[in-house]
Structures are given as structure tokens and as C-alpha cells.
Amino acid sequence: MKLTRWVLLIITAIALVAAPQATKAPSAPTNAPTSAKGSTSASKLMDINSATADQLDTLPGIGPAYAKKIIDGRPYKRKDELLNKKVIPAATYSKIKDMIIAKQGGSK
């Protein structure tokens, strides 16, 4: 009888110690990048006024045809001109708007 109680006590203790570790979800590293929307910095934005067709083609929803239309419509004062000039559809623009910028060329 005493042996059974000790065995149950030991099993319960092991279960209590192991259970929180087994069910605990791994935490994300504190220095990991956040989502693409939140972490995109100006240096990582693609300039639609200077990007090549191959670079534009890497954007979601942009293929060779849209890349050519973007290049043909240059220069852009603002990135939303892609919508205003009907260069790309609104659904495609919503996918890439946080990845692009329309820098203004300056004289050097």
C-alpha cells in the first residue's frame, strides 16, 4: 500500500514538472524580424522609378507584362500612381504597396 502511494506520488510529481514544459509553445526570438508590413524599411523598398524589369518581376502579382507597363509609365511622383494611371489592378497594388516607393530623381 505504501509502495503504491510512493509510486503514484513520484509519477504525479514527474507529470507536474514535465507538463508545463511539454505544452509551452516555443517563444519567438526577440531579435527576429516582424512581418513584412511592419518591418519594411526605406532602404529595402523597391523604387518603381529605377527598378529593372527583373526586379519588378519579383514582386507578388507582378509578371513580365506588368513590369513592362510599370517601366513604360515612368516617372512616378507617388507610388499610388500605379493605380491612378491604371498600370496595375487594385488587388495587385494592395499586395505590393508596402514593398515599393517612388523616389524622385535629383540632379547630381
PDB file of N, CA and C in Angstrom:
ATOM      1  N   MET A   1       0.815  -1.182   0.000  1.00  0.00           N
ATOM      2  CA  MET A   1       0.000   0.000   0.000  1.00  0.00           C
ATOM      3  C   MET A   1       0.865   1.253   0.000  1.00  0.00           C
ATOM      4  N   LYS A   2       1.872   1.287   0.879  1.00  0.00           N
ATOM      5  CA  LYS A   2       2.750   2.445   0.932  1.00  0.00           C
ATOM      6  C   LYS A   2       3.552   2.566  -0.364  1.00  0.00           C
ATOM      7  N   LEU A   3       3.956   1.449  -0.912  1.00  0.00           N
ATOM      8  CA  LEU A   3       4.713   1.451  -2.162  1.00  0.00           C
ATOM      9  C   LEU A   3       3.867   2.038  -3.283  1.00  0.00           C
ATOM     10  N   THR A   4       2.595   1.684  -3.332  1.00  0.00           N
ATOM     11  CA  THR A   4       1.702   2.204  -4.361  1.00  0.00           C
ATOM     12  C   THR A   4       1.560   3.717  -4.230  1.00  0.00           C
ATOM     13  N   ARG A   5       1.428   4.214  -3.024  1.00  0.00           N
ATOM     14  CA  ARG A   5       1.319   5.655  -2.805  1.00  0.00           C
ATOM     15  C   ARG A   5       2.583   6.372  -3.255  1.00  0.00           C
ATOM     16  N   TRP A   6       3.742   5.819  -2.944  1.00  0.00           N
ATOM     17  CA  TRP A   6       5.014   6.426  -3.350  1.00  0.00           C
ATOM     18  C   TRP A   6       5.151   6.447  -4.872  1.00  0.00           C
ATOM     19  N   VAL A   7       4.756   5.374  -5.498  1.00  0.00           N
ATOM     20  CA  VAL A   7       4.838   5.313  -6.962  1.00  0.00           C
ATOM     21  C   VAL A   7       3.908   6.371  -7.568  1.00  0.00           C
ATOM     22  N   LEU A   8       2.676   6.462  -7.072  1.00  0.00           N
ATOM     23  CA  LEU A   8       1.747   7.472  -7.566  1.00  0.00           C
ATOM     24  C   LEU A   8       2.258   8.887  -7.305  1.00  0.00           C
ATOM     25  N   LEU A   9       2.842   9.110  -6.140  1.00  0.00           N
ATOM     26  CA  LEU A   9       3.394  10.416  -5.803  1.00  0.00           C
ATOM     27  C   LEU A   9       4.531  10.794  -6.752  1.00  0.00           C
ATOM     28  N   ILE A  10       5.392   9.848  -7.031  1.00  0.00           N
ATOM     29  CA  ILE A  10       6.520  10.100  -7.944  1.00  0.00           C
ATOM     30  C   ILE A  10       6.016  10.364  -9.362  1.00  0.00           C
ATOM     31  N   ILE A  11       5.065   9.575  -9.814  1.00  0.00           N
ATOM     32  CA  ILE A  11       4.512   9.769 -11.165  1.00  0.00           C
ATOM     33  C   ILE A  11       3.831  11.127 -11.273  1.00  0.00           C
ATOM     34  N   THR A  12       3.083  11.505 -10.254  1.00  0.00           N
ATOM     35  CA  THR A  12       2.407  12.802 -10.252  1.00  0.00           C
ATOM     36  C   THR A  12       3.423  13.939 -10.265  1.00  0.00           C
ATOM     37  N   ALA A  13       4.461  13.815  -9.466  1.00  0.00           N
ATOM     38  CA  ALA A  13       5.494  14.849  -9.419  1.00  0.00           C
ATOM     39  C   ALA A  13       6.176  14.996 -10.774  1.00  0.00           C
ATOM     40  N   ILE A  14       6.487  13.888 -11.399  1.00  0.00           N
ATOM     41  CA  ILE A  14       7.130  13.926 -12.728  1.00  0.00           C
ATOM     42  C   ILE A  14       6.183  14.564 -13.744  1.00  0.00           C
ATOM     43  N   ALA A  15       4.909  14.201 -13.675  1.00  0.00           N
ATOM     44  CA  ALA A  15       3.928  14.749 -14.615  1.00  0.00           C
ATOM     45  C   ALA A  15       3.782  16.253 -14.421  1.00  0.00           C
ATOM     46  N   LEU A  16       3.771  16.717 -13.189  1.00  0.00           N
ATOM     47  CA  LEU A  16       3.632  18.146 -12.930  1.00  0.00           C
ATOM     48  C   LEU A  16       4.847  18.931 -13.391  1.00  0.00           C
ATOM     49  N   VAL A  17       6.013  18.362 -13.252  1.00  0.00           N
ATOM     50  CA  VAL A  17       7.232  19.043 -13.663  1.00  0.00           C
ATOM     51  C   VAL A  17       7.345  19.057 -15.187  1.00  0.00           C
ATOM     52  N   ALA A  18       6.996  17.950 -15.831  1.00  0.00           N
ATOM     53  CA  ALA A  18       7.163  17.825 -17.275  1.00  0.00           C
ATOM     54  C   ALA A  18       6.035  18.491 -18.058  1.00  0.00           C
ATOM     55  N   ALA A  19       4.838  18.537 -17.523  1.00  0.00           N
ATOM     56  CA  ALA A  19       3.674  19.033 -18.263  1.00  0.00           C
ATOM     57  C   ALA A  19       3.818  20.478 -18.724  1.00  0.00           C
ATOM     58  N   PRO A  20       4.201  21.428 -17.894  1.00  0.00           N
ATOM     59  CA  PRO A  20       4.301  22.807 -18.393  1.00  0.00           C
ATOM     60  C   PRO A  20       5.338  22.961 -19.501  1.00  0.00           C
ATOM     61  N   GLN A  21       6.412  22.223 -19.456  1.00  0.00           N
ATOM     62  CA  GLN A  21       7.432  22.321 -20.487  1.00  0.00           C
ATOM     63  C   GLN A  21       6.956  21.700 -21.786  1.00  0.00           C
ATOM     64  N   ALA A  22       6.192  20.637 -21.715  1.00  0.00           N
ATOM     65  CA  ALA A  22       5.724  19.963 -22.920  1.00  0.00           C
ATOM     66  C   ALA A  22       4.661  20.780 -23.640  1.00  0.00           C
ATOM     67  N   THR A  23       3.817  21.497 -22.892  1.00  0.00           N
ATOM     68  CA  THR A  23       2.748  22.259 -23.528  1.00  0.00           C
ATOM     69  C   THR A  23       3.141  23.694 -23.841  1.00  0.00           C
ATOM     70  N   LYS A  24       4.248  24.145 -23.365  1.00  0.00           N
ATOM     71  CA  LYS A  24       4.674  25.521 -23.597  1.00  0.00           C
ATOM     72  C   LYS A  24       5.120  25.683 -25.053  1.00  0.00           C
ATOM     73  N   ALA A  25       4.543  26.646 -25.722  1.00  0.00           N
ATOM     74  CA  ALA A  25       4.914  26.912 -27.112  1.00  0.00           C
ATOM     75  C   ALA A  25       6.260  27.607 -27.138  1.00  0.00           C
ATOM     76  N   PRO A  26       7.086  27.288 -28.124  1.00  0.00           N
ATOM     77  CA  PRO A  26       8.378  27.967 -28.201  1.00  0.00           C
ATOM     78  C   PRO A  26       8.165  29.444 -28.488  1.00  0.00           C
ATOM     79  N   SER A  27       8.903  30.276 -27.795  1.00  0.00           N
ATOM     80  CA  SER A  27       8.770  31.711 -27.997  1.00  0.00           C
ATOM     81  C   SER A  27       9.672  32.168 -29.134  1.00  0.00           C
ATOM     82  N   ALA A  28       9.226  33.210 -29.806  1.00  0.00           N
ATOM     83  CA  ALA A  28      10.000  33.748 -30.916  1.00  0.00           C
ATOM     84  C   ALA A  28      11.200  34.504 -30.363  1.00  0.00           C
ATOM     85  N   PRO A  29      12.328  34.439 -31.046  1.00  0.00           N
ATOM     86  CA  PRO A  29      13.486  35.206 -30.600  1.00  0.00           C
ATOM     87  C   PRO A  29      13.152  36.693 -30.607  1.00  0.00           C
ATOM     88  N   THR A  30      13.711  37.418 -29.662  1.00  0.00           N
ATOM     89  CA  THR A  30      13.388  38.838 -29.546  1.00  0.00           C
ATOM     90  C   THR A  30      13.959  39.669 -30.680  1.00  0.00           C
ATOM     91  N   ASN A  31      15.003  39.190 -31.329  1.00  0.00           N
ATOM     92  CA  ASN A  31      15.596  39.960 -32.408  1.00  0.00           C
ATOM     93  C   ASN A  31      15.132  39.492 -33.783  1.00  0.00           C
ATOM     94  N   ALA A  32      14.112  38.658 -33.826  1.00  0.00           N
ATOM     95  CA  ALA A  32      13.602  38.169 -35.108  1.00  0.00           C
ATOM     96  C   ALA A  32      12.831  39.282 -35.800  1.00  0.00           C
ATOM     97  N   PRO A  33      12.888  39.339 -37.136  1.00  0.00           N
ATOM     98  CA  PRO A  33      12.147  40.374 -37.844  1.00  0.00           C
ATOM     99  C   PRO A  33      10.649  40.147 -37.718  1.00  0.00           C
ATOM    100  N   THR A  34       9.900  41.226 -37.774  1.00  0.00           N
ATOM    101  CA  THR A  34       8.456  41.132 -37.699  1.00  0.00           C
ATOM    102  C   THR A  34       7.908  40.904 -39.095  1.00  0.00           C
ATOM    103  N   SER A  35       6.636  41.036 -39.251  1.00  0.00           N
ATOM    104  CA  SER A  35       6.027  40.797 -40.547  1.00  0.00           C
ATOM    105  C   SER A  35       6.573  41.776 -41.586  1.00  0.00           C
ATOM    106  N   ALA A  36       6.366  41.438 -42.839  1.00  0.00           N
ATOM    107  CA  ALA A  36       6.881  42.276 -43.918  1.00  0.00           C
ATOM    108  C   ALA A  36       6.294  43.677 -43.867  1.00  0.00           C
ATOM    109  N   LYS A  37       5.047  43.794 -43.510  1.00  0.00           N
ATOM    110  CA  LYS A  37       4.436  45.117 -43.444  1.00  0.00           C
ATOM    111  C   LYS A  37       5.084  45.978 -42.380  1.00  0.00           C
ATOM    112  N   GLY A  38       5.321  45.400 -41.205  1.00  0.00           N
ATOM    113  CA  GLY A  38       5.823  46.182 -40.094  1.00  0.00           C
ATOM    114  C   GLY A  38       7.298  46.456 -40.125  1.00  0.00           C
ATOM    115  N   SER A  39       8.055  45.659 -40.818  1.00  0.00           N
ATOM    116  CA  SER A  39       9.496  45.793 -40.714  1.00  0.00           C
ATOM    117  C   SER A  39      10.165  46.348 -41.968  1.00  0.00           C
ATOM    118  N   THR A  40       9.397  46.658 -42.976  1.00  0.00           N
ATOM    119  CA  THR A  40       9.994  47.146 -44.206  1.00  0.00           C
ATOM    120  C   THR A  40      10.561  48.530 -43.976  1.00  0.00           C
ATOM    121  N   SER A  41      11.846  48.684 -44.185  1.00  0.00           N
ATOM    122  CA  SER A  41      12.468  49.988 -44.023  1.00  0.00           C
ATOM    123  C   SER A  41      12.637  50.630 -45.390  1.00  0.00           C
ATOM    124  N   ALA A  42      12.888  51.919 -45.388  1.00  0.00           N
ATOM    125  CA  ALA A  42      13.016  52.656 -46.644  1.00  0.00           C
ATOM    126  C   ALA A  42      14.139  52.107 -47.509  1.00  0.00           C
ATOM    127  N   SER A  43      15.192  51.580 -46.895  1.00  0.00           N
ATOM    128  CA  SER A  43      16.306  51.067 -47.685  1.00  0.00           C
ATOM    129  C   SER A  43      15.962  49.754 -48.384  1.00  0.00           C
ATOM    130  N   LYS A  44      14.929  49.059 -47.924  1.00  0.00           N
ATOM    131  CA  LYS A  44      14.549  47.788 -48.535  1.00  0.00           C
ATOM    132  C   LYS A  44      13.390  47.937 -49.505  1.00  0.00           C
ATOM    133  N   LEU A  45      12.851  49.136 -49.630  1.00  0.00           N
ATOM    134  CA  LEU A  45      11.753  49.361 -50.549  1.00  0.00           C
ATOM    135  C   LEU A  45      12.285  49.416 -51.975  1.00  0.00           C
ATOM    136  N   MET A  46      11.503  48.868 -52.905  1.00  0.00           N
ATOM    137  CA  MET A  46      11.912  48.881 -54.309  1.00  0.00           C
ATOM    138  C   MET A  46      11.404  50.167 -54.956  1.00  0.00           C
ATOM    139  N   ASP A  47      12.304  50.893 -55.589  1.00  0.00           N
ATOM    140  CA  ASP A  47      11.953  52.134 -56.268  1.00  0.00           C
ATOM    141  C   ASP A  47      11.372  51.807 -57.638  1.00  0.00           C
ATOM    142  N   ILE A  48      10.104  52.133 -57.824  1.00  0.00           N
ATOM    143  CA  ILE A  48       9.461  51.814 -59.098  1.00  0.00           C
ATOM    144  C   ILE A  48       9.959  52.703 -60.234  1.00  0.00           C
ATOM    145  N   ASN A  49      10.683  53.765 -59.920  1.00  0.00           N
ATOM    146  CA  ASN A  49      11.238  54.627 -60.955  1.00  0.00           C
ATOM    147  C   ASN A  49      12.602  54.155 -61.460  1.00  0.00           C
ATOM    148  N   SER A  50      13.249  53.261 -60.737  1.00  0.00           N
ATOM    149  CA  SER A  50      14.577  52.833 -61.173  1.00  0.00           C
ATOM    150  C   SER A  50      14.752  51.313 -61.227  1.00  0.00           C
ATOM    151  N   ALA A  51      13.800  50.557 -60.739  1.00  0.00           N
ATOM    152  CA  ALA A  51      13.929  49.093 -60.720  1.00  0.00           C
ATOM    153  C   ALA A  51      13.900  48.530 -62.134  1.00  0.00           C
ATOM    154  N   THR A  52      14.663  47.472 -62.321  1.00  0.00           N
ATOM    155  CA  THR A  52      14.668  46.791 -63.618  1.00  0.00           C
ATOM    156  C   THR A  52      13.426  45.913 -63.732  1.00  0.00           C
ATOM    157  N   ALA A  53      13.164  45.448 -64.933  1.00  0.00           N
ATOM    158  CA  ALA A  53      12.026  44.554 -65.157  1.00  0.00           C
ATOM    159  C   ALA A  53      12.173  43.283 -64.321  1.00  0.00           C
ATOM    160  N   ASP A  54      13.388  42.755 -64.238  1.00  0.00           N
ATOM    161  CA  ASP A  54      13.623  41.544 -63.444  1.00  0.00           C
ATOM    162  C   ASP A  54      13.356  41.793 -61.961  1.00  0.00           C
ATOM    163  N   GLN A  55      13.737  42.963 -61.463  1.00  0.00           N
ATOM    164  CA  GLN A  55      13.481  43.291 -60.057  1.00  0.00           C
ATOM    165  C   GLN A  55      11.985  43.446 -59.800  1.00  0.00           C
ATOM    166  N   LEU A  56      11.296  44.143 -60.682  1.00  0.00           N
ATOM    167  CA  LEU A  56       9.852  44.314 -60.530  1.00  0.00           C
ATOM    168  C   LEU A  56       9.129  42.980 -60.586  1.00  0.00           C
ATOM    169  N   ASP A  57       9.629  42.072 -61.401  1.00  0.00           N
ATOM    170  CA  ASP A  57       9.033  40.749 -61.571  1.00  0.00           C
ATOM    171  C   ASP A  57       9.069  39.930 -60.277  1.00  0.00           C
ATOM    172  N   THR A  58       9.917  40.298 -59.336  1.00  0.00           N
ATOM    173  CA  THR A  58       9.990  39.563 -58.073  1.00  0.00           C
ATOM    174  C   THR A  58       8.882  39.967 -57.103  1.00  0.00           C
ATOM    175  N   LEU A  59       8.193  41.056 -57.377  1.00  0.00           N
ATOM    176  CA  LEU A  59       7.097  41.486 -56.516  1.00  0.00           C
ATOM    177  C   LEU A  59       5.885  40.573 -56.719  1.00  0.00           C
ATOM    178  N   PRO A  60       5.119  40.314 -55.661  1.00  0.00           N
ATOM    179  CA  PRO A  60       3.948  39.446 -55.796  1.00  0.00           C
ATOM    180  C   PRO A  60       2.909  40.032 -56.748  1.00  0.00           C
ATOM    181  N   GLY A  61       2.469  39.224 -57.692  1.00  0.00           N
ATOM    182  CA  GLY A  61       1.452  39.652 -58.645  1.00  0.00           C
ATOM    183  C   GLY A  61       1.995  40.415 -59.841  1.00  0.00           C
ATOM    184  N   ILE A  62       3.287  40.692 -59.850  1.00  0.00           N
ATOM    185  CA  ILE A  62       3.902  41.420 -60.970  1.00  0.00           C
ATOM    186  C   ILE A  62       4.680  40.420 -61.819  1.00  0.00           C
ATOM    187  N   GLY A  63       4.285  40.305 -63.052  1.00  0.00           N
ATOM    188  CA  GLY A  63       4.995  39.456 -64.000  1.00  0.00           C
ATOM    189  C   GLY A  63       5.652  40.327 -65.048  1.00  0.00           C
ATOM    190  N   PRO A  64       6.148  39.714 -66.094  1.00  0.00           N
ATOM    191  CA  PRO A  64       6.828  40.489 -67.145  1.00  0.00           C
ATOM    192  C   PRO A  64       5.943  41.568 -67.783  1.00  0.00           C
ATOM    193  N   ALA A  65       4.661  41.276 -67.975  1.00  0.00           N
ATOM    194  CA  ALA A  65       3.775  42.249 -68.621  1.00  0.00           C
ATOM    195  C   ALA A  65       3.553  43.476 -67.730  1.00  0.00           C
ATOM    196  N   TYR A  66       3.263  43.256 -66.454  1.00  0.00           N
ATOM    197  CA  TYR A  66       3.082  44.394 -65.542  1.00  0.00           C
ATOM    198  C   TYR A  66       4.392  45.136 -65.317  1.00  0.00           C
ATOM    199  N   ALA A  67       5.485  44.424 -65.273  1.00  0.00           N
ATOM    200  CA  ALA A  67       6.786  45.077 -65.111  1.00  0.00           C
ATOM    201  C   ALA A  67       7.027  46.044 -66.278  1.00  0.00           C
ATOM    202  N   LYS A  68       6.710  45.607 -67.485  1.00  0.00           N
ATOM    203  CA  LYS A  68       6.878  46.458 -68.665  1.00  0.00           C
ATOM    204  C   LYS A  68       5.956  47.674 -68.594  1.00  0.00           C
ATOM    205  N   LYS A  69       4.709  47.463 -68.152  1.00  0.00           N
ATOM    206  CA  LYS A  69       3.779  48.591 -68.022  1.00  0.00           C
ATOM    207  C   LYS A  69       4.264  49.597 -66.980  1.00  0.00           C
ATOM    208  N   ILE A  70       4.834  49.099 -65.890  1.00  0.00           N
ATOM    209  CA  ILE A  70       5.361  49.998 -64.853  1.00  0.00           C
ATOM    210  C   ILE A  70       6.502  50.828 -65.417  1.00  0.00           C
ATOM    211  N   ILE A  71       7.412  50.169 -66.132  1.00  0.00           N
ATOM    212  CA  ILE A  71       8.562  50.875 -66.721  1.00  0.00           C
ATOM    213  C   ILE A  71       8.096  51.881 -67.770  1.00  0.00           C
ATOM    214  N   ASP A  72       7.139  51.493 -68.595  1.00  0.00           N
ATOM    215  CA  ASP A  72       6.645  52.391 -69.638  1.00  0.00           C
ATOM    216  C   ASP A  72       5.935  53.621 -69.075  1.00  0.00           C
ATOM    217  N   GLY A  73       5.388  53.520 -67.866  1.00  0.00           N
ATOM    218  CA  GLY A  73       4.651  54.637 -67.269  1.00  0.00           C
ATOM    219  C   GLY A  73       5.505  55.590 -66.459  1.00  0.00           C
ATOM    220  N   ARG A  74       6.789  55.382 -66.413  1.00  0.00           N
ATOM    221  CA  ARG A  74       7.685  56.238 -65.620  1.00  0.00           C
ATOM    222  C   ARG A  74       7.778  57.633 -66.218  1.00  0.00           C
ATOM    223  N   PRO A  75       8.072  58.616 -65.389  1.00  0.00           N
ATOM    224  CA  PRO A  75       8.351  58.590 -63.952  1.00  0.00           C
ATOM    225  C   PRO A  75       7.062  58.708 -63.142  1.00  0.00           C
ATOM    226  N   TYR A  76       7.116  58.236 -61.915  1.00  0.00           N
ATOM    227  CA  TYR A  76       6.007  58.328 -60.976  1.00  0.00           C
ATOM    228  C   TYR A  76       6.381  59.294 -59.860  1.00  0.00           C
ATOM    229  N   LYS A  77       5.465  60.192 -59.532  1.00  0.00           N
ATOM    230  CA  LYS A  77       5.690  61.100 -58.402  1.00  0.00           C
ATOM    231  C   LYS A  77       5.366  60.402 -57.089  1.00  0.00           C
ATOM    232  N   ARG A  78       4.335  59.540 -57.134  1.00  0.00           N
ATOM    233  CA  ARG A  78       3.924  58.781 -55.956  1.00  0.00           C
ATOM    234  C   ARG A  78       3.611  57.362 -56.392  1.00  0.00           C
ATOM    235  N   LYS A  79       3.772  56.435 -55.463  1.00  0.00           N
ATOM    236  CA  LYS A  79       3.549  55.029 -55.807  1.00  0.00           C
ATOM    237  C   LYS A  79       2.095  54.737 -56.152  1.00  0.00           C
ATOM    238  N   ASP A  80       1.148  55.510 -55.600  1.00  0.00           N
ATOM    239  CA  ASP A  80      -0.261  55.240 -55.889  1.00  0.00           C
ATOM    240  C   ASP A  80      -0.649  55.621 -57.320  1.00  0.00           C
ATOM    241  N   GLU A  81       0.275  56.229 -58.058  1.00  0.00           N
ATOM    242  CA  GLU A  81       0.021  56.499 -59.477  1.00  0.00           C
ATOM    243  C   GLU A  81      -0.097  55.208 -60.272  1.00  0.00           C
ATOM    244  N   LEU A  82       0.431  54.118 -59.732  1.00  0.00           N
ATOM    245  CA  LEU A  82       0.244  52.823 -60.393  1.00  0.00           C
ATOM    246  C   LEU A  82      -1.243  52.502 -60.495  1.00  0.00           C
ATOM    247  N   LEU A  83      -2.008  52.935 -59.511  1.00  0.00           N
ATOM    248  CA  LEU A  83      -3.470  52.763 -59.547  1.00  0.00           C
ATOM    249  C   LEU A  83      -4.127  53.855 -60.374  1.00  0.00           C
ATOM    250  N   ASN A  84      -3.745  55.096 -60.114  1.00  0.00           N
ATOM    251  CA  ASN A  84      -4.373  56.233 -60.790  1.00  0.00           C
ATOM    252  C   ASN A  84      -4.200  56.172 -62.300  1.00  0.00           C
ATOM    253  N   LYS A  85      -3.048  55.717 -62.751  1.00  0.00           N
ATOM    254  CA  LYS A  85      -2.782  55.589 -64.186  1.00  0.00           C
ATOM    255  C   LYS A  85      -3.234  54.237 -64.733  1.00  0.00           C
ATOM    256  N   LYS A  86      -3.851  53.423 -63.867  1.00  0.00           N
ATOM    257  CA  LYS A  86      -4.363  52.097 -64.236  1.00  0.00           C
ATOM    258  C   LYS A  86      -3.267  51.205 -64.831  1.00  0.00           C
ATOM    259  N   VAL A  87      -2.085  51.260 -64.213  1.00  0.00           N
ATOM    260  CA  VAL A  87      -0.968  50.427 -64.651  1.00  0.00           C
ATOM    261  C   VAL A  87      -1.148  49.005 -64.138  1.00  0.00           C
ATOM    262  N   ILE A  88      -1.589  48.870 -62.888  1.00  0.00           N
ATOM    263  CA  ILE A  88      -1.835  47.552 -62.285  1.00  0.00           C
ATOM    264  C   ILE A  88      -3.182  47.582 -61.575  1.00  0.00           C
ATOM    265  N   PRO A  89      -3.814  46.424 -61.381  1.00  0.00           N
ATOM    266  CA  PRO A  89      -5.101  46.383 -60.676  1.00  0.00           C
ATOM    267  C   PRO A  89      -4.948  46.669 -59.183  1.00  0.00           C
ATOM    268  N   ALA A  90      -6.044  47.072 -58.551  1.00  0.00           N
ATOM    269  CA  ALA A  90      -6.040  47.408 -57.128  1.00  0.00           C
ATOM    270  C   ALA A  90      -5.608  46.220 -56.269  1.00  0.00           C
ATOM    271  N   ALA A  91      -6.018  45.017 -56.629  1.00  0.00           N
ATOM    272  CA  ALA A  91      -5.647  43.835 -55.839  1.00  0.00           C
ATOM    273  C   ALA A  91      -4.141  43.623 -55.857  1.00  0.00           C
ATOM    274  N   THR A  92      -3.520  43.839 -56.989  1.00  0.00           N
ATOM    275  CA  THR A  92      -2.068  43.690 -57.096  1.00  0.00           C
ATOM    276  C   THR A  92      -1.366  44.808 -56.334  1.00  0.00           C
ATOM    277  N   TYR A  93      -1.884  46.017 -56.454  1.00  0.00           N
ATOM    278  CA  TYR A  93      -1.296  47.151 -55.735  1.00  0.00           C
ATOM    279  C   TYR A  93      -1.338  46.916 -54.228  1.00  0.00           C
ATOM    280  N   SER A  94      -2.435  46.368 -53.734  1.00  0.00           N
ATOM    281  CA  SER A  94      -2.541  46.144 -52.286  1.00  0.00           C
ATOM    282  C   SER A  94      -1.510  45.124 -51.798  1.00  0.00           C
ATOM    283  N   LYS A  95      -1.084  44.220 -52.674  1.00  0.00           N
ATOM    284  CA  LYS A  95      -0.052  43.238 -52.304  1.00  0.00           C
ATOM    285  C   LYS A  95       1.336  43.862 -52.225  1.00  0.00           C
ATOM    286  N   ILE A  96       1.589  44.877 -53.044  1.00  0.00           N
ATOM    287  CA  ILE A  96       2.955  45.402 -53.150  1.00  0.00           C
ATOM    288  C   ILE A  96       3.147  46.793 -52.563  1.00  0.00           C
ATOM    289  N   LYS A  97       2.084  47.460 -52.154  1.00  0.00           N
ATOM    290  CA  LYS A  97       2.191  48.868 -51.744  1.00  0.00           C
ATOM    291  C   LYS A  97       3.167  49.090 -50.592  1.00  0.00           C
ATOM    292  N   ASP A  98       3.339  48.100 -49.728  1.00  0.00           N
ATOM    293  CA  ASP A  98       4.273  48.247 -48.610  1.00  0.00           C
ATOM    294  C   ASP A  98       5.696  47.828 -48.979  1.00  0.00           C
ATOM    295  N   MET A  99       5.906  47.443 -50.226  1.00  0.00           N
ATOM    296  CA  MET A  99       7.224  46.992 -50.684  1.00  0.00           C
ATOM    297  C   MET A  99       7.867  47.956 -51.669  1.00  0.00           C
ATOM    298  N   ILE A 100       7.124  48.988 -52.069  1.00  0.00           N
ATOM    299  CA  ILE A 100       7.614  49.874 -53.132  1.00  0.00           C
ATOM    300  C   ILE A 100       7.655  51.326 -52.661  1.00  0.00           C
ATOM    301  N   ILE A 101       8.369  52.119 -53.436  1.00  0.00           N
ATOM    302  CA  ILE A 101       8.467  53.567 -53.220  1.00  0.00           C
ATOM    303  C   ILE A 101       8.694  54.203 -54.588  1.00  0.00           C
ATOM    304  N   ALA A 102       8.332  55.463 -54.704  1.00  0.00           N
ATOM    305  CA  ALA A 102       8.583  56.205 -55.944  1.00  0.00           C
ATOM    306  C   ALA A 102       9.514  57.355 -55.612  1.00  0.00           C
ATOM    307  N   LYS A 103      10.806  57.081 -55.673  1.00  0.00           N
ATOM    308  CA  LYS A 103      11.803  58.134 -55.382  1.00  0.00           C
ATOM    309  C   LYS A 103      11.858  59.100 -56.546  1.00  0.00           C
ATOM    310  N   GLN A 104      12.096  60.334 -56.199  1.00  0.00           N
ATOM    311  CA  GLN A 104      12.237  61.363 -57.232  1.00  0.00           C
ATOM    312  C   GLN A 104      13.703  61.495 -57.593  1.00  0.00           C
ATOM    313  N   GLY A 105      13.997  61.439 -58.879  1.00  0.00           N
ATOM    314  CA  GLY A 105      15.376  61.589 -59.329  1.00  0.00           C
ATOM    315  C   GLY A 105      15.839  63.024 -59.149  1.00  0.00           C
ATOM    316  N   GLY A 106      17.047  63.181 -58.672  1.00  0.00           N
ATOM    317  CA  GLY A 106      17.604  64.520 -58.486  1.00  0.00           C
ATOM    318  C   GLY A 106      18.844  64.677 -59.344  1.00  0.00           C
ATOM    319  N   SER A 107      19.241  65.900 -59.584  1.00  0.00           N
ATOM    320  CA  SER A 107      20.447  66.122 -60.377  1.00  0.00           C
ATOM    321  C   SER A 107      21.672  65.968 -59.492  1.00  0.00           C
ATOM    322  N   LYS A 108      22.637  65.224 -59.977  1.00  0.00           N
ATOM    323  CA  LYS A 108      23.869  65.008 -59.229  1.00  0.00           C
ATOM    324  C   LYS A 108      25.044  65.577 -59.959  1.00  0.00           C
TER     325      LYS A 108
END
